[in-house]
C-alpha atoms as a PDB file:
ATOM      1  CA  MET A   1      97.664-160.197  -5.801  1.00  0.00           C
ATOM      2  CA  THR A   2      99.931-159.505  -2.928  1.00  0.00           C
ATOM      3  CA  GLN A   3     102.553-156.722  -2.471  1.00  0.00           C
ATOM      4  CA  ALA A   4     105.274-159.001  -2.947  1.00  0.00           C
ATOM      5  CA  SER A   5     104.017-160.942  -6.125  1.00  0.00           C
ATOM      6  CA  LYS A   6     103.533-157.148  -7.638  1.00  0.00           C
ATOM      7  CA  ILE A   7     107.373-156.133  -6.639  1.00  0.00           C
ATOM      8  CA  SER A   8     108.349-159.780  -8.000  1.00  0.00           C
ATOM      9  CA  ARG A   9     106.019-158.929 -11.612  1.00  0.00           C
ATOM     10  CA  LYS A  10     107.682-155.465 -12.023  1.00  0.00           C
ATOM     11  CA  TYR A  11     111.315-156.711 -11.373  1.00  0.00           C
ATOM     12  CA  GLU A  12     110.744-159.596 -14.230  1.00  0.00           C
ATOM     13  CA  ASP A  13     109.184-157.101 -16.430  1.00  0.00           C
ATOM     14  CA  LEU A  14     111.804-154.592 -15.742  1.00  0.00           C
ATOM     15  CA  LEU A  15     114.603-157.772 -16.341  1.00  0.00           C
ATOM     16  CA  THR A  16     112.562-158.070 -19.756  1.00  0.00           C
ATOM     17  CA  GLN A  17     112.811-154.497 -20.712  1.00  0.00           C
ATOM     18  CA  LEU A  18     116.519-154.708 -20.155  1.00  0.00           C
ATOM     19  CA  SER A  19     116.903-157.692 -22.108  1.00  0.00           C
ATOM     20  CA  GLY A  20     115.433-156.056 -24.794  1.00  0.00           C
ATOM     21  CA  PHE A  21     117.348-153.038 -24.571  1.00  0.00           C
ATOM     22  CA  LEU A  22     120.520-154.865 -24.446  1.00  0.00           C
ATOM     23  CA  ASP A  23     119.565-157.437 -27.289  1.00  0.00           C
ATOM     24  CA  THR A  24     120.093-160.420 -24.876  1.00  0.00           C
ATOM     25  CA  ASP A  25     118.070-163.116 -24.337  1.00  0.00           C
ATOM     26  CA  ILE A  26     117.371-164.528 -20.683  1.00  0.00           C
ATOM     27  CA  ARG A  27     114.829-166.701 -21.029  1.00  0.00           C
ATOM     28  CA  GLU A  28     115.760-170.134 -19.666  1.00  0.00           C
ATOM     29  CA  LYS A  29     118.767-168.468 -17.581  1.00  0.00           C
ATOM     30  CA  GLU A  30     119.419-169.630 -14.311  1.00  0.00           C
ATOM     31  CA  LYS A  31     120.432-166.232 -12.987  1.00  0.00           C
ATOM     32  CA  PRO A  32     119.473-163.959 -15.764  1.00  0.00           C
ATOM     33  CA  GLN A  33     120.082-160.597 -13.547  1.00  0.00           C
ATOM     34  CA  GLU A  34     123.626-161.946 -13.428  1.00  0.00           C
ATOM     35  CA  HIS A  35     123.442-162.042 -17.107  1.00  0.00           C
ATOM     36  CA  LEU A  36     122.327-158.879 -17.758  1.00  0.00           C
ATOM     37  CA  MET A  37     124.921-157.529 -15.082  1.00  0.00           C
ATOM     38  CA  SER A  38     127.641-159.177 -17.502  1.00  0.00           C
ATOM     39  CA  LYS A  39     126.286-157.730 -20.564  1.00  0.00           C
ATOM     40  CA  VAL A  40     125.833-154.052 -18.857  1.00  0.00           C
ATOM     41  CA  ILE A  41     129.421-154.432 -17.929  1.00  0.00           C
ATOM     42  CA  MET A  42     130.943-155.328 -21.420  1.00  0.00           C
ATOM     43  CA  CYS A  43     128.754-152.708 -23.121  1.00  0.00           C
ATOM     44  CA  ARG A  44     130.121-150.065 -20.321  1.00  0.00           C
ATOM     45  CA  LYS A  45     134.070-151.596 -21.402  1.00  0.00           C
ATOM     46  CA  GLU A  46     133.259-151.007 -25.052  1.00  0.00           C
ATOM     47  CA  PHE A  47     131.776-147.755 -24.765  1.00  0.00           C
ATOM     48  CA  LEU A  48     134.586-146.527 -22.558  1.00  0.00           C
ATOM     49  CA  CYS A  49     137.376-148.238 -24.725  1.00  0.00           C
ATOM     50  CA  SER A  50     135.520-146.151 -27.520  1.00  0.00           C
ATOM     51  CA  ILE A  51     135.560-143.092 -25.880  1.00  0.00           C
ATOM     52  CA  LEU A  52     139.790-143.368 -25.204  1.00  0.00           C
ATOM     53  CA  ILE A  53     140.213-144.090 -28.784  1.00  0.00           C
ATOM     54  CA  GLU A  54     138.423-141.202 -29.592  1.00  0.00           C
ATOM     55  CA  GLU A  55     140.461-139.332 -27.389  1.00  0.00           C
ATOM     56  CA  TYR A  56     143.718-140.651 -28.499  1.00  0.00           C
ATOM     57  CA  LEU A  57     142.610-139.892 -31.894  1.00  0.00           C
ATOM     58  CA  VAL A  58     141.959-136.294 -30.951  1.00  0.00           C
ATOM     59  CA  VAL A  59     145.699-136.173 -29.248  1.00  0.00           C
ATOM     60  CA  LYS A  60     147.122-137.156 -32.509  1.00  0.00           C
ATOM     61  CA  GLU A  61     145.108-134.661 -34.553  1.00  0.00           C
ATOM     62  CA  ILE A  62     146.576-131.864 -31.935  1.00  0.00           C
ATOM     63  CA  LYS A  63     150.154-133.380 -32.155  1.00  0.00           C
ATOM     64  CA  GLN A  64     150.176-133.325 -35.969  1.00  0.00           C
ATOM     65  CA  VAL A  65     148.791-129.637 -35.751  1.00  0.00           C
ATOM     66  CA  MET A  66     151.285-128.492 -33.371  1.00  0.00           C
ATOM     67  CA  LYS A  67     154.166-130.338 -35.687  1.00  0.00           C
ATOM     68  CA  THR A  68     152.912-128.320 -38.787  1.00  0.00           C
ATOM     69  CA  ALA A  69     152.805-124.853 -36.570  1.00  0.00           C
ATOM     70  CA  ILE A  70     156.211-125.543 -35.235  1.00  0.00           C
ATOM     71  CA  PHE A  71     157.388-126.393 -38.780  1.00  0.00           C
ATOM     72  CA  VAL A  72     155.772-123.267 -40.086  1.00  0.00           C
ATOM     73  CA  LEU A  73     157.342-121.049 -37.000  1.00  0.00           C
ATOM     74  CA  ASN A  74     160.414-122.651 -37.877  1.00  0.00           C
ATOM     75  CA  ASN A  75     160.546-121.858 -41.416  1.00  0.00           C
ATOM     76  CA  ASP A  76     159.305-118.449 -40.608  1.00  0.00           C
ATOM     77  CA  LEU A  77     162.258-117.934 -37.936  1.00  0.00           C
ATOM     78  CA  GLN A  78     164.566-119.166 -40.703  1.00  0.00           C
ATOM     79  CA  LYS A  79     163.046-116.209 -42.989  1.00  0.00           C
ATOM     80  CA  VAL A  80     163.251-113.626 -40.119  1.00  0.00           C
ATOM     81  CA  LEU A  81     167.163-114.925 -39.737  1.00  0.00           C
ATOM     82  CA  LEU A  82     168.166-114.746 -42.692  1.00  0.00           C
ATOM     83  CA  PHE A  83     166.390-111.435 -43.546  1.00  0.00           C
ATOM     84  CA  LYS A  84     168.340-109.734 -40.527  1.00  0.00           C
ATOM     85  CA  VAL A  85     171.453-111.339 -42.059  1.00  0.00           C
ATOM     86  CA  PHE A  86     170.871-109.677 -45.505  1.00  0.00           C
ATOM     87  CA  VAL A  87     170.135-106.424 -43.727  1.00  0.00           C
ATOM     88  CA  GLY A  88     173.248-106.634 -41.778  1.00  0.00           C
ATOM     89  CA  PHE A  89     175.405-107.260 -44.439  1.00  0.00           C
ATOM     90  CA  PHE A  90     173.922-104.915 -46.765  1.00  0.00           C
ATOM     91  CA  LEU A  91     174.551-102.472 -43.668  1.00  0.00           C
ATOM     92  CA  TYR A  92     177.906-103.574 -43.497  1.00  0.00           C
ATOM     93  CA  TRP A  93     178.896-103.144 -47.085  1.00  0.00           C
ATOM     94  CA  ALA A  94     177.413 -99.734 -47.065  1.00  0.00           C
ATOM     95  CA  ASP A  95     179.536 -98.621 -44.380  1.00  0.00           C
ATOM     96  CA  PHE A  96     182.146-100.226 -45.763  1.00  0.00           C
ATOM     97  CA  ARG A  97     181.434 -98.276 -49.115  1.00  0.00           C
ATOM     98  CA  ARG A  98     181.291 -95.102 -47.288  1.00  0.00           C
ATOM     99  CA  SER A  99     184.537 -95.404 -45.718  1.00  0.00           C
END
């Protein structure tokens, strides 16, 4: 067996293993390597889309947490402001009663 035929055989084995991994049939394909490359590109696009969807959901969740935190802060600030108004009114009333 010549060096070229060994390399050719290894290349065919590689394509066969890759087609099995990608769950696609390359038998009787005119250009099996192009068929496999298109399958790899499609898998990569699907993977990237799934990552983008996950990142979108994480960002959406972070936004919701931030909205909740802002709501809680606003409520707490309103309580603090109301308390300050109440204390201010009470001090004003106490000064008014003393005079």
